[in-house]
Amino acid sequence: MAKTDLSGIPVSHIALARELSLKISDPHRFEHTLSVARECAALSEIFSLSSEDSDKLYTAALLHDVAKGKQTHEYIELDKKYGVGFTKGDLESPAVLHAKAGAKIAETEFSNVCDDAVVTAIRQHTTGDADMSLISKLLFLADYIEPTRRWESCKKTRERFYSKIKSGKSVTRVLDETILEILVSTEAHLKENGKKVHPNLTRCKDFILKTIE
């Protein structure tokens, strides 16, 4: 896919997508960004989002990886510049630093298109958290199952999610079950590789377990 191929992106968000194409230099990451946005467009229809919430979800999708691809010391510099407020848990899980940094960049540099719901969705898109909004949940899911993901776990989760949706089961129940599946899989993968599990991931998992009991 060419970096300039913005097909499937809502007209209302083309300008933002073009702006981000200049900020996200890695073509594969930008391809992923556009794929997440397209996935969010599909999910918006499935979950009957209002036009306002759909716009927020598209915005969060386009901005979710705006800070990804940096070294830890670069995130520290962003913390000094923006006051990101990294915790010990964040620094022990460097793979999630881009989410919190990206949320702060969205809040400060893209304040004209971002509100609290968008910023929160960006911040939560890697670990989740307790009591997530529907917008946050859908971005979390889209980031994991969008079709350019190459990992087998992502492909299988995508297949199971859409299979359950087509079965007529409650879409909100399917969403929570799928997010829980992702969290459990991610937690197991981290532990197997001797990596720290971020506290927000555990909090999100425990909250959803209580929700679907």
N, C-alpha and C. Protein backbone atom coordinates (compact mmCIF):
# COMPACT_ATOMS: atom_id res chain seq x y z
N MET A 1 0.84 -1.20 0.00
CA MET A 1 0.00 0.00 0.00
C MET A 1 0.88 1.24 0.00
N ALA A 2 0.60 2.17 -0.85
CA ALA A 2 1.37 3.41 -0.89
C ALA A 2 1.06 4.25 0.33
N LYS A 3 2.07 5.00 0.77
CA LYS A 3 1.89 5.79 1.98
C LYS A 3 0.80 6.83 1.80
N THR A 4 0.58 7.27 0.57
CA THR A 4 -0.41 8.32 0.32
C THR A 4 -1.80 7.76 0.04
N ASP A 5 -1.97 6.46 0.10
CA ASP A 5 -3.27 5.86 -0.16
C ASP A 5 -4.17 6.04 1.05
N LEU A 6 -5.08 6.98 0.97
CA LEU A 6 -5.98 7.27 2.09
C LEU A 6 -7.38 6.75 1.84
N SER A 7 -7.51 5.78 0.94
CA SER A 7 -8.83 5.22 0.66
C SER A 7 -9.41 4.62 1.93
N GLY A 8 -10.71 4.80 2.10
CA GLY A 8 -11.39 4.26 3.26
C GLY A 8 -11.35 5.16 4.48
N ILE A 9 -10.61 6.25 4.40
CA ILE A 9 -10.56 7.21 5.51
C ILE A 9 -11.67 8.24 5.29
N PRO A 10 -12.48 8.51 6.30
CA PRO A 10 -13.57 9.49 6.13
C PRO A 10 -13.05 10.83 5.63
N VAL A 11 -13.80 11.47 4.75
CA VAL A 11 -13.40 12.75 4.19
C VAL A 11 -13.08 13.76 5.30
N SER A 12 -13.83 13.68 6.38
CA SER A 12 -13.64 14.61 7.50
C SER A 12 -12.27 14.49 8.16
N HIS A 13 -11.58 13.35 7.91
CA HIS A 13 -10.31 13.10 8.57
C HIS A 13 -9.12 13.01 7.61
N ILE A 14 -9.35 13.33 6.34
CA ILE A 14 -8.28 13.26 5.36
C ILE A 14 -7.16 14.24 5.70
N ALA A 15 -7.50 15.46 6.09
CA ALA A 15 -6.49 16.47 6.40
C ALA A 15 -5.61 16.01 7.56
N LEU A 16 -6.22 15.44 8.59
CA LEU A 16 -5.46 14.93 9.73
C LEU A 16 -4.56 13.78 9.29
N ALA A 17 -5.09 12.88 8.46
CA ALA A 17 -4.29 11.76 7.98
C ALA A 17 -3.08 12.24 7.19
N ARG A 18 -3.27 13.24 6.36
CA ARG A 18 -2.15 13.79 5.58
C ARG A 18 -1.12 14.43 6.48
N GLU A 19 -1.58 15.14 7.49
CA GLU A 19 -0.65 15.76 8.44
C GLU A 19 0.17 14.69 9.15
N LEU A 20 -0.48 13.61 9.54
CA LEU A 20 0.22 12.54 10.25
C LEU A 20 1.17 11.77 9.34
N SER A 21 0.87 11.74 8.05
CA SER A 21 1.78 11.06 7.11
C SER A 21 3.15 11.73 7.10
N LEU A 22 3.19 13.00 7.47
CA LEU A 22 4.45 13.73 7.54
C LEU A 22 5.15 13.51 8.89
N LYS A 23 4.39 13.17 9.91
CA LYS A 23 4.95 12.96 11.24
C LYS A 23 5.39 11.51 11.46
N ILE A 24 4.69 10.57 10.82
CA ILE A 24 5.00 9.15 11.00
C ILE A 24 5.85 8.71 9.81
N SER A 25 7.16 8.67 10.01
CA SER A 25 8.09 8.44 8.90
C SER A 25 8.15 6.98 8.45
N ASP A 26 7.87 6.06 9.36
CA ASP A 26 7.91 4.63 9.03
C ASP A 26 6.67 4.26 8.21
N PRO A 27 6.83 3.87 6.95
CA PRO A 27 5.65 3.58 6.11
C PRO A 27 4.80 2.43 6.64
N HIS A 28 5.45 1.44 7.28
CA HIS A 28 4.68 0.31 7.83
C HIS A 28 3.81 0.77 9.00
N ARG A 29 4.36 1.67 9.81
CA ARG A 29 3.58 2.18 10.94
C ARG A 29 2.41 3.03 10.44
N PHE A 30 2.65 3.79 9.40
CA PHE A 30 1.56 4.61 8.86
C PHE A 30 0.49 3.72 8.22
N GLU A 31 0.94 2.67 7.55
CA GLU A 31 -0.02 1.70 6.99
C GLU A 31 -0.87 1.10 8.10
N HIS A 32 -0.23 0.75 9.21
CA HIS A 32 -0.95 0.22 10.36
C HIS A 32 -1.94 1.26 10.89
N THR A 33 -1.51 2.50 10.97
CA THR A 33 -2.38 3.58 11.46
C THR A 33 -3.64 3.69 10.62
N LEU A 34 -3.48 3.70 9.30
CA LEU A 34 -4.63 3.79 8.40
C LEU A 34 -5.52 2.55 8.52
N SER A 35 -4.89 1.39 8.70
CA SER A 35 -5.67 0.16 8.82
C SER A 35 -6.49 0.16 10.11
N VAL A 36 -5.92 0.70 11.19
CA VAL A 36 -6.68 0.82 12.44
C VAL A 36 -7.87 1.76 12.25
N ALA A 37 -7.65 2.86 11.52
CA ALA A 37 -8.75 3.80 11.26
C ALA A 37 -9.86 3.13 10.45
N ARG A 38 -9.49 2.35 9.45
CA ARG A 38 -10.49 1.65 8.63
C ARG A 38 -11.24 0.61 9.48
N GLU A 39 -10.50 -0.07 10.35
CA GLU A 39 -11.13 -1.05 11.24
C GLU A 39 -12.13 -0.35 12.15
N CYS A 40 -11.75 0.82 12.64
CA CYS A 40 -12.64 1.59 13.51
C CYS A 40 -13.90 2.02 12.76
N ALA A 41 -13.76 2.30 11.47
CA ALA A 41 -14.94 2.66 10.67
C ALA A 41 -15.92 1.49 10.63
N ALA A 42 -15.39 0.28 10.46
CA ALA A 42 -16.25 -0.91 10.45
C ALA A 42 -16.89 -1.14 11.81
N LEU A 43 -16.10 -0.99 12.86
CA LEU A 43 -16.61 -1.20 14.21
C LEU A 43 -17.65 -0.15 14.60
N SER A 44 -17.49 1.06 14.09
CA SER A 44 -18.47 2.12 14.36
C SER A 44 -19.85 1.72 13.89
N GLU A 45 -19.91 1.06 12.73
CA GLU A 45 -21.19 0.61 12.20
C GLU A 45 -21.76 -0.54 13.02
N ILE A 46 -20.89 -1.49 13.36
CA ILE A 46 -21.34 -2.65 14.12
C ILE A 46 -21.92 -2.24 15.46
N PHE A 47 -21.28 -1.24 16.09
CA PHE A 47 -21.71 -0.82 17.42
C PHE A 47 -22.60 0.41 17.39
N SER A 48 -23.05 0.80 16.19
CA SER A 48 -24.03 1.88 16.00
C SER A 48 -23.64 3.17 16.72
N LEU A 49 -22.37 3.56 16.54
CA LEU A 49 -21.92 4.80 17.16
C LEU A 49 -22.59 6.00 16.50
N SER A 50 -22.79 7.04 17.28
CA SER A 50 -23.28 8.30 16.74
C SER A 50 -22.19 8.89 15.85
N SER A 51 -22.55 9.84 14.99
CA SER A 51 -21.56 10.47 14.12
C SER A 51 -20.49 11.17 14.95
N GLU A 52 -20.88 11.74 16.08
CA GLU A 52 -19.91 12.42 16.95
C GLU A 52 -18.91 11.44 17.53
N ASP A 53 -19.40 10.30 18.03
CA ASP A 53 -18.50 9.31 18.61
C ASP A 53 -17.65 8.63 17.53
N SER A 54 -18.22 8.44 16.36
CA SER A 54 -17.44 7.88 15.24
C SER A 54 -16.27 8.80 14.90
N ASP A 55 -16.53 10.09 14.85
CA ASP A 55 -15.47 11.06 14.58
C ASP A 55 -14.37 10.99 15.63
N LYS A 56 -14.77 10.86 16.88
CA LYS A 56 -13.78 10.75 17.96
C LYS A 56 -12.94 9.48 17.82
N LEU A 57 -13.60 8.39 17.45
CA LEU A 57 -12.89 7.13 17.29
C LEU A 57 -11.91 7.20 16.13
N TYR A 58 -12.31 7.77 14.99
CA TYR A 58 -11.41 7.93 13.85
C TYR A 58 -10.20 8.77 14.25
N THR A 59 -10.45 9.85 14.99
CA THR A 59 -9.36 10.74 15.40
C THR A 59 -8.38 10.00 16.30
N ALA A 60 -8.91 9.27 17.26
CA ALA A 60 -8.05 8.50 18.16
C ALA A 60 -7.25 7.45 17.38
N ALA A 61 -7.89 6.82 16.40
CA ALA A 61 -7.21 5.81 15.59
C ALA A 61 -6.03 6.41 14.82
N LEU A 62 -6.24 7.57 14.22
CA LEU A 62 -5.17 8.20 13.45
C LEU A 62 -4.02 8.68 14.32
N LEU A 63 -4.33 9.04 15.55
CA LEU A 63 -3.30 9.60 16.44
C LEU A 63 -2.69 8.58 17.40
N HIS A 64 -3.21 7.37 17.44
CA HIS A 64 -2.83 6.46 18.53
C HIS A 64 -1.35 6.11 18.57
N ASP A 65 -0.67 6.11 17.43
CA ASP A 65 0.76 5.76 17.41
C ASP A 65 1.64 6.96 17.04
N VAL A 66 1.16 8.16 17.29
CA VAL A 66 1.91 9.35 16.90
C VAL A 66 3.26 9.44 17.61
N ALA A 67 3.39 8.79 18.77
CA ALA A 67 4.64 8.84 19.52
C ALA A 67 5.41 7.52 19.50
N LYS A 68 4.99 6.58 18.67
CA LYS A 68 5.63 5.27 18.70
C LYS A 68 6.96 5.27 17.95
N GLY A 69 7.82 4.31 18.32
CA GLY A 69 9.07 4.12 17.59
C GLY A 69 10.27 4.84 18.15
N LYS A 70 10.17 5.31 19.39
CA LYS A 70 11.27 6.05 20.00
C LYS A 70 11.99 5.19 21.03
N GLN A 71 13.21 5.59 21.34
CA GLN A 71 13.97 4.94 22.39
C GLN A 71 13.51 5.48 23.75
N THR A 72 13.80 4.72 24.80
CA THR A 72 13.35 5.13 26.14
C THR A 72 13.84 6.52 26.50
N HIS A 73 15.09 6.83 26.16
CA HIS A 73 15.62 8.15 26.51
C HIS A 73 14.86 9.27 25.78
N GLU A 74 14.33 8.94 24.60
CA GLU A 74 13.55 9.94 23.87
C GLU A 74 12.20 10.19 24.55
N TYR A 75 11.64 9.13 25.12
CA TYR A 75 10.39 9.30 25.86
C TYR A 75 10.62 10.12 27.13
N ILE A 76 11.77 9.93 27.73
CA ILE A 76 12.12 10.73 28.91
C ILE A 76 12.17 12.21 28.53
N GLU A 77 12.72 12.50 27.35
CA GLU A 77 12.77 13.88 26.88
C GLU A 77 11.36 14.42 26.62
N LEU A 78 10.49 13.57 26.07
CA LEU A 78 9.10 13.99 25.87
C LEU A 78 8.42 14.27 27.20
N ASP A 79 8.77 13.47 28.20
CA ASP A 79 8.21 13.68 29.53
C ASP A 79 8.62 15.06 30.06
N LYS A 80 9.88 15.41 29.84
CA LYS A 80 10.36 16.73 30.28
C LYS A 80 9.66 17.85 29.52
N LYS A 81 9.43 17.62 28.22
CA LYS A 81 8.84 18.66 27.38
C LYS A 81 7.35 18.84 27.64
N TYR A 82 6.63 17.74 27.77
CA TYR A 82 5.17 17.80 27.86
C TYR A 82 4.61 17.53 29.26
N GLY A 83 5.45 17.03 30.15
CA GLY A 83 4.93 16.64 31.45
C GLY A 83 4.03 15.43 31.36
N VAL A 84 4.52 14.40 30.66
CA VAL A 84 3.70 13.19 30.44
C VAL A 84 3.34 12.54 31.77
N GLY A 85 4.29 12.47 32.66
CA GLY A 85 4.03 11.87 33.97
C GLY A 85 4.16 10.36 33.99
N PHE A 86 5.25 9.85 33.43
CA PHE A 86 5.47 8.40 33.44
C PHE A 86 5.62 7.90 34.87
N THR A 87 5.00 6.75 35.14
CA THR A 87 5.12 6.11 36.44
C THR A 87 6.22 5.05 36.39
N LYS A 88 6.53 4.49 37.53
CA LYS A 88 7.49 3.39 37.58
C LYS A 88 7.00 2.22 36.74
N GLY A 89 5.71 1.96 36.81
CA GLY A 89 5.13 0.87 36.01
C GLY A 89 5.27 1.12 34.53
N ASP A 90 5.14 2.37 34.10
CA ASP A 90 5.32 2.71 32.69
C ASP A 90 6.76 2.41 32.25
N LEU A 91 7.72 2.88 33.05
CA LEU A 91 9.12 2.75 32.69
C LEU A 91 9.59 1.30 32.73
N GLU A 92 8.90 0.48 33.51
CA GLU A 92 9.23 -0.95 33.55
C GLU A 92 8.61 -1.71 32.38
N SER A 93 7.73 -1.04 31.64
CA SER A 93 7.09 -1.64 30.46
C SER A 93 7.26 -0.69 29.27
N PRO A 94 8.49 -0.58 28.75
CA PRO A 94 8.78 0.43 27.72
C PRO A 94 7.91 0.34 26.47
N ALA A 95 7.35 -0.83 26.20
CA ALA A 95 6.52 -0.98 25.00
C ALA A 95 5.23 -0.17 25.08
N VAL A 96 4.87 0.29 26.28
CA VAL A 96 3.62 1.05 26.42
C VAL A 96 3.86 2.56 26.53
N LEU A 97 5.11 2.99 26.54
CA LEU A 97 5.41 4.41 26.74
C LEU A 97 4.80 5.29 25.65
N HIS A 98 4.72 4.75 24.43
CA HIS A 98 4.21 5.56 23.32
C HIS A 98 2.75 5.94 23.50
N ALA A 99 1.99 5.11 24.24
CA ALA A 99 0.57 5.39 24.42
C ALA A 99 0.36 6.63 25.29
N LYS A 100 1.06 6.66 26.41
CA LYS A 100 0.91 7.79 27.33
C LYS A 100 1.52 9.06 26.72
N ALA A 101 2.67 8.91 26.04
CA ALA A 101 3.28 10.07 25.39
C ALA A 101 2.41 10.56 24.24
N GLY A 102 1.85 9.62 23.47
CA GLY A 102 0.99 9.99 22.35
C GLY A 102 -0.25 10.71 22.80
N ALA A 103 -0.80 10.30 23.94
CA ALA A 103 -1.99 10.97 24.48
C ALA A 103 -1.67 12.43 24.83
N LYS A 104 -0.49 12.63 25.39
CA LYS A 104 -0.10 13.99 25.76
C LYS A 104 0.16 14.85 24.53
N ILE A 105 0.78 14.26 23.51
CA ILE A 105 1.00 14.99 22.26
C ILE A 105 -0.33 15.34 21.61
N ALA A 106 -1.26 14.39 21.61
CA ALA A 106 -2.59 14.65 21.04
C ALA A 106 -3.27 15.79 21.78
N GLU A 107 -3.16 15.76 23.09
CA GLU A 107 -3.81 16.77 23.92
C GLU A 107 -3.24 18.17 23.69
N THR A 108 -1.93 18.25 23.44
CA THR A 108 -1.28 19.56 23.32
C THR A 108 -1.14 20.04 21.88
N GLU A 109 -0.75 19.15 20.97
CA GLU A 109 -0.50 19.57 19.59
C GLU A 109 -1.73 19.44 18.68
N PHE A 110 -2.71 18.65 19.12
CA PHE A 110 -3.90 18.43 18.30
C PHE A 110 -5.16 18.74 19.10
N SER A 111 -5.07 19.74 19.93
CA SER A 111 -6.19 20.09 20.82
C SER A 111 -7.44 20.52 20.04
N ASN A 112 -7.25 20.93 18.80
CA ASN A 112 -8.40 21.37 17.99
C ASN A 112 -9.29 20.20 17.57
N VAL A 113 -8.74 18.98 17.63
CA VAL A 113 -9.55 17.82 17.21
C VAL A 113 -9.68 16.77 18.33
N CYS A 114 -9.07 17.02 19.47
CA CYS A 114 -9.08 16.02 20.54
C CYS A 114 -9.81 16.52 21.78
N ASP A 115 -10.67 15.69 22.33
CA ASP A 115 -11.27 15.97 23.63
C ASP A 115 -10.81 14.88 24.59
N ASP A 116 -11.36 14.88 25.79
CA ASP A 116 -10.91 13.93 26.81
C ASP A 116 -11.11 12.48 26.38
N ALA A 117 -12.20 12.21 25.67
CA ALA A 117 -12.48 10.83 25.24
C ALA A 117 -11.42 10.33 24.27
N VAL A 118 -11.00 11.19 23.35
CA VAL A 118 -9.97 10.83 22.37
C VAL A 118 -8.63 10.61 23.06
N VAL A 119 -8.26 11.55 23.92
CA VAL A 119 -6.98 11.47 24.63
C VAL A 119 -6.93 10.21 25.50
N THR A 120 -8.01 9.94 26.20
CA THR A 120 -8.06 8.76 27.06
C THR A 120 -7.95 7.47 26.25
N ALA A 121 -8.63 7.40 25.11
CA ALA A 121 -8.56 6.21 24.25
C ALA A 121 -7.13 5.97 23.79
N ILE A 122 -6.44 7.02 23.41
CA ILE A 122 -5.04 6.88 22.99
C ILE A 122 -4.19 6.38 24.15
N ARG A 123 -4.38 6.96 25.32
CA ARG A 123 -3.59 6.56 26.48
C ARG A 123 -3.82 5.10 26.86
N GLN A 124 -5.04 4.60 26.65
CA GLN A 124 -5.39 3.24 27.09
C GLN A 124 -5.22 2.18 26.01
N HIS A 125 -4.78 2.53 24.81
CA HIS A 125 -4.90 1.58 23.70
C HIS A 125 -3.94 0.40 23.76
N THR A 126 -2.92 0.43 24.61
CA THR A 126 -2.02 -0.72 24.69
C THR A 126 -2.29 -1.61 25.90
N THR A 127 -2.69 -1.02 27.00
CA THR A 127 -2.88 -1.80 28.23
C THR A 127 -4.33 -1.94 28.63
N GLY A 128 -5.18 -1.05 28.13
CA GLY A 128 -6.53 -0.99 28.64
C GLY A 128 -6.52 -0.38 30.04
N ASP A 129 -7.66 -0.35 30.68
CA ASP A 129 -7.76 0.13 32.05
C ASP A 129 -9.16 -0.21 32.56
N ALA A 130 -9.39 -0.01 33.82
CA ALA A 130 -10.71 -0.28 34.39
C ALA A 130 -11.72 0.73 33.85
N ASP A 131 -12.94 0.29 33.67
CA ASP A 131 -14.06 1.17 33.32
C ASP A 131 -13.79 1.98 32.04
N MET A 132 -13.36 1.29 30.99
CA MET A 132 -13.07 1.96 29.71
C MET A 132 -14.36 2.36 29.01
N SER A 133 -14.31 3.48 28.28
CA SER A 133 -15.44 3.88 27.46
C SER A 133 -15.53 2.97 26.24
N LEU A 134 -16.65 3.03 25.53
CA LEU A 134 -16.79 2.24 24.31
C LEU A 134 -15.76 2.66 23.27
N ILE A 135 -15.49 3.95 23.17
CA ILE A 135 -14.48 4.44 22.23
C ILE A 135 -13.11 3.85 22.55
N SER A 136 -12.75 3.83 23.82
CA SER A 136 -11.47 3.26 24.23
C SER A 136 -11.40 1.77 23.92
N LYS A 137 -12.49 1.07 24.20
CA LYS A 137 -12.51 -0.38 23.94
C LYS A 137 -12.36 -0.67 22.44
N LEU A 138 -13.05 0.10 21.61
CA LEU A 138 -13.01 -0.16 20.17
C LEU A 138 -11.64 0.16 19.58
N LEU A 139 -10.98 1.20 20.08
CA LEU A 139 -9.62 1.48 19.61
C LEU A 139 -8.67 0.37 20.05
N PHE A 140 -8.79 -0.06 21.29
CA PHE A 140 -7.97 -1.16 21.80
C PHE A 140 -8.11 -2.40 20.92
N LEU A 141 -9.36 -2.74 20.59
CA LEU A 141 -9.62 -3.91 19.76
C LEU A 141 -9.09 -3.71 18.34
N ALA A 142 -9.39 -2.57 17.73
CA ALA A 142 -8.97 -2.33 16.35
C ALA A 142 -7.46 -2.37 16.20
N ASP A 143 -6.75 -1.85 17.19
CA ASP A 143 -5.29 -1.85 17.14
C ASP A 143 -4.74 -3.28 17.11
N TYR A 144 -5.45 -4.20 17.74
CA TYR A 144 -4.98 -5.58 17.84
C TYR A 144 -5.39 -6.44 16.64
N ILE A 145 -6.58 -6.21 16.12
CA ILE A 145 -7.10 -7.13 15.09
C ILE A 145 -7.05 -6.57 13.67
N GLU A 146 -6.59 -5.32 13.48
CA GLU A 146 -6.61 -4.78 12.11
C GLU A 146 -5.86 -5.72 11.18
N PRO A 147 -6.31 -5.84 9.92
CA PRO A 147 -5.85 -6.92 9.04
C PRO A 147 -4.39 -6.91 8.59
N THR A 148 -3.64 -5.82 8.82
CA THR A 148 -2.22 -5.87 8.45
C THR A 148 -1.36 -6.50 9.54
N ARG A 149 -1.95 -6.78 10.69
CA ARG A 149 -1.21 -7.47 11.75
C ARG A 149 -0.77 -8.84 11.25
N ARG A 150 0.50 -9.17 11.46
CA ARG A 150 1.04 -10.41 10.92
C ARG A 150 1.05 -11.56 11.93
N TRP A 151 0.91 -11.24 13.21
CA TRP A 151 0.98 -12.29 14.22
C TRP A 151 -0.25 -13.18 14.16
N GLU A 152 -0.01 -14.48 14.33
CA GLU A 152 -1.09 -15.46 14.25
C GLU A 152 -2.15 -15.21 15.31
N SER A 153 -1.73 -14.80 16.51
CA SER A 153 -2.69 -14.54 17.58
C SER A 153 -3.67 -13.43 17.21
N CYS A 154 -3.16 -12.42 16.51
CA CYS A 154 -4.02 -11.32 16.08
C CYS A 154 -5.02 -11.78 15.02
N LYS A 155 -4.53 -12.58 14.09
CA LYS A 155 -5.39 -13.08 13.02
C LYS A 155 -6.51 -13.96 13.59
N LYS A 156 -6.16 -14.83 14.52
CA LYS A 156 -7.15 -15.74 15.09
C LYS A 156 -8.17 -14.99 15.95
N THR A 157 -7.69 -13.98 16.67
CA THR A 157 -8.61 -13.19 17.48
C THR A 157 -9.59 -12.45 16.59
N ARG A 158 -9.09 -11.92 15.48
CA ARG A 158 -9.97 -11.24 14.52
C ARG A 158 -11.03 -12.20 13.99
N GLU A 159 -10.64 -13.40 13.63
CA GLU A 159 -11.58 -14.38 13.09
C GLU A 159 -12.65 -14.73 14.13
N ARG A 160 -12.22 -14.94 15.37
CA ARG A 160 -13.17 -15.31 16.41
C ARG A 160 -14.14 -14.16 16.70
N PHE A 161 -13.61 -12.93 16.72
CA PHE A 161 -14.47 -11.78 17.00
C PHE A 161 -15.58 -11.66 15.96
N TYR A 162 -15.22 -11.69 14.68
CA TYR A 162 -16.23 -11.52 13.64
C TYR A 162 -17.16 -12.72 13.53
N SER A 163 -16.65 -13.89 13.87
CA SER A 163 -17.50 -15.08 13.89
C SER A 163 -18.58 -14.95 14.97
N LYS A 164 -18.17 -14.47 16.15
CA LYS A 164 -19.13 -14.29 17.25
C LYS A 164 -20.13 -13.18 16.93
N ILE A 165 -19.66 -12.11 16.29
CA ILE A 165 -20.55 -11.01 15.91
C ILE A 165 -21.64 -11.51 14.97
N LYS A 166 -21.25 -12.36 14.03
CA LYS A 166 -22.21 -12.88 13.06
C LYS A 166 -23.18 -13.89 13.67
N SER A 167 -22.81 -14.42 14.84
CA SER A 167 -23.66 -15.43 15.47
C SER A 167 -24.91 -14.84 16.10
N GLY A 168 -24.95 -13.52 16.21
CA GLY A 168 -26.10 -12.87 16.81
C GLY A 168 -25.97 -12.64 18.30
N LYS A 169 -24.83 -12.97 18.86
CA LYS A 169 -24.58 -12.75 20.28
C LYS A 169 -24.50 -11.25 20.55
N SER A 170 -24.77 -10.84 21.75
CA SER A 170 -24.69 -9.42 22.13
C SER A 170 -23.32 -8.86 21.76
N VAL A 171 -23.33 -7.76 21.01
CA VAL A 171 -22.06 -7.20 20.53
C VAL A 171 -21.20 -6.67 21.69
N THR A 172 -21.84 -6.13 22.71
CA THR A 172 -21.07 -5.63 23.85
C THR A 172 -20.43 -6.77 24.62
N ARG A 173 -21.14 -7.88 24.71
CA ARG A 173 -20.58 -9.07 25.37
C ARG A 173 -19.40 -9.61 24.56
N VAL A 174 -19.57 -9.68 23.26
CA VAL A 174 -18.48 -10.16 22.39
C VAL A 174 -17.26 -9.25 22.52
N LEU A 175 -17.50 -7.97 22.57
CA LEU A 175 -16.40 -7.01 22.70
C LEU A 175 -15.63 -7.25 24.00
N ASP A 176 -16.34 -7.36 25.10
CA ASP A 176 -15.67 -7.57 26.38
C ASP A 176 -14.94 -8.91 26.41
N GLU A 177 -15.55 -9.94 25.87
CA GLU A 177 -14.90 -11.25 25.84
C GLU A 177 -13.63 -11.22 25.00
N THR A 178 -13.67 -10.49 23.89
CA THR A 178 -12.51 -10.42 23.01
C THR A 178 -11.38 -9.62 23.65
N ILE A 179 -11.73 -8.52 24.29
CA ILE A 179 -10.71 -7.73 24.99
C ILE A 179 -10.08 -8.57 26.10
N LEU A 180 -10.88 -9.32 26.82
CA LEU A 180 -10.35 -10.18 27.87
C LEU A 180 -9.40 -11.22 27.27
N GLU A 181 -9.78 -11.79 26.16
CA GLU A 181 -8.92 -12.76 25.47
C GLU A 181 -7.56 -12.14 25.13
N ILE A 182 -7.58 -10.92 24.62
CA ILE A 182 -6.35 -10.23 24.26
C ILE A 182 -5.50 -9.97 25.49
N LEU A 183 -6.13 -9.52 26.56
CA LEU A 183 -5.40 -9.22 27.79
C LEU A 183 -4.75 -10.47 28.38
N VAL A 184 -5.48 -11.56 28.42
CA VAL A 184 -4.94 -12.81 28.98
C VAL A 184 -3.78 -13.31 28.13
N SER A 185 -3.93 -13.23 26.81
CA SER A 185 -2.86 -13.66 25.90
C SER A 185 -1.62 -12.78 26.06
N THR A 186 -1.83 -11.48 26.14
CA THR A 186 -0.71 -10.55 26.29
C THR A 186 0.00 -10.77 27.62
N GLU A 187 -0.77 -10.96 28.67
CA GLU A 187 -0.19 -11.20 30.00
C GLU A 187 0.67 -12.46 29.99
N ALA A 188 0.17 -13.52 29.39
CA ALA A 188 0.91 -14.78 29.33
C ALA A 188 2.20 -14.61 28.52
N HIS A 189 2.10 -13.90 27.40
CA HIS A 189 3.27 -13.67 26.56
C HIS A 189 4.35 -12.89 27.31
N LEU A 190 3.94 -11.87 28.04
CA LEU A 190 4.90 -11.06 28.80
C LEU A 190 5.58 -11.90 29.88
N LYS A 191 4.80 -12.68 30.60
CA LYS A 191 5.36 -13.51 31.67
C LYS A 191 6.32 -14.56 31.12
N GLU A 192 5.95 -15.17 29.99
CA GLU A 192 6.81 -16.17 29.37
C GLU A 192 8.16 -15.60 28.95
N ASN A 193 8.16 -14.31 28.62
CA ASN A 193 9.38 -13.66 28.17
C ASN A 193 10.06 -12.85 29.28
N GLY A 194 9.62 -13.07 30.51
CA GLY A 194 10.26 -12.42 31.64
C GLY A 194 10.08 -10.92 31.69
N LYS A 195 8.97 -10.43 31.14
CA LYS A 195 8.72 -8.99 31.12
C LYS A 195 7.64 -8.62 32.12
N LYS A 196 7.68 -7.37 32.56
CA LYS A 196 6.72 -6.87 33.53
C LYS A 196 5.33 -6.73 32.89
N VAL A 197 4.31 -7.03 33.67
CA VAL A 197 2.93 -6.81 33.25
C VAL A 197 2.50 -5.46 33.81
N HIS A 198 2.08 -4.56 32.94
CA HIS A 198 1.71 -3.22 33.39
C HIS A 198 0.50 -3.29 34.31
N PRO A 199 0.51 -2.53 35.39
CA PRO A 199 -0.63 -2.55 36.34
C PRO A 199 -1.98 -2.25 35.68
N ASN A 200 -2.00 -1.40 34.66
CA ASN A 200 -3.27 -1.08 34.00
C ASN A 200 -3.85 -2.28 33.29
N LEU A 201 -2.98 -3.13 32.74
CA LEU A 201 -3.45 -4.35 32.07
C LEU A 201 -4.16 -5.25 33.08
N THR A 202 -3.53 -5.43 34.23
CA THR A 202 -4.14 -6.26 35.27
C THR A 202 -5.45 -5.66 35.76
N ARG A 203 -5.47 -4.34 35.92
CA ARG A 203 -6.69 -3.65 36.37
C ARG A 203 -7.81 -3.83 35.35
N CYS A 204 -7.46 -3.72 34.06
CA CYS A 204 -8.45 -3.88 33.00
C CYS A 204 -9.00 -5.30 32.98
N LYS A 205 -8.10 -6.26 33.08
CA LYS A 205 -8.53 -7.67 33.06
C LYS A 205 -9.47 -7.97 34.22
N ASP A 206 -9.10 -7.53 35.42
CA ASP A 206 -9.93 -7.80 36.60
C ASP A 206 -11.29 -7.14 36.47
N PHE A 207 -11.32 -5.92 35.92
CA PHE A 207 -12.59 -5.19 35.77
C PHE A 207 -13.52 -5.90 34.79
N ILE A 208 -12.97 -6.35 33.66
CA ILE A 208 -13.81 -7.02 32.66
C ILE A 208 -14.28 -8.37 33.18
N LEU A 209 -13.42 -9.08 33.93
CA LEU A 209 -13.84 -10.35 34.51
C LEU A 209 -15.08 -10.16 35.38
N LYS A 210 -15.09 -9.09 36.17
CA LYS A 210 -16.24 -8.82 37.02
C LYS A 210 -17.47 -8.43 36.19
N THR A 211 -17.21 -7.73 35.07
CA THR A 211 -18.31 -7.26 34.21
C THR A 211 -19.05 -8.41 33.56
N ILE A 212 -18.31 -9.44 33.13
CA ILE A 212 -18.94 -10.51 32.36
C ILE A 212 -19.30 -11.73 33.19
N GLU A 213 -19.06 -11.67 34.47
CA GLU A 213 -19.42 -12.81 35.34
C GLU A 213 -20.93 -13.01 35.36
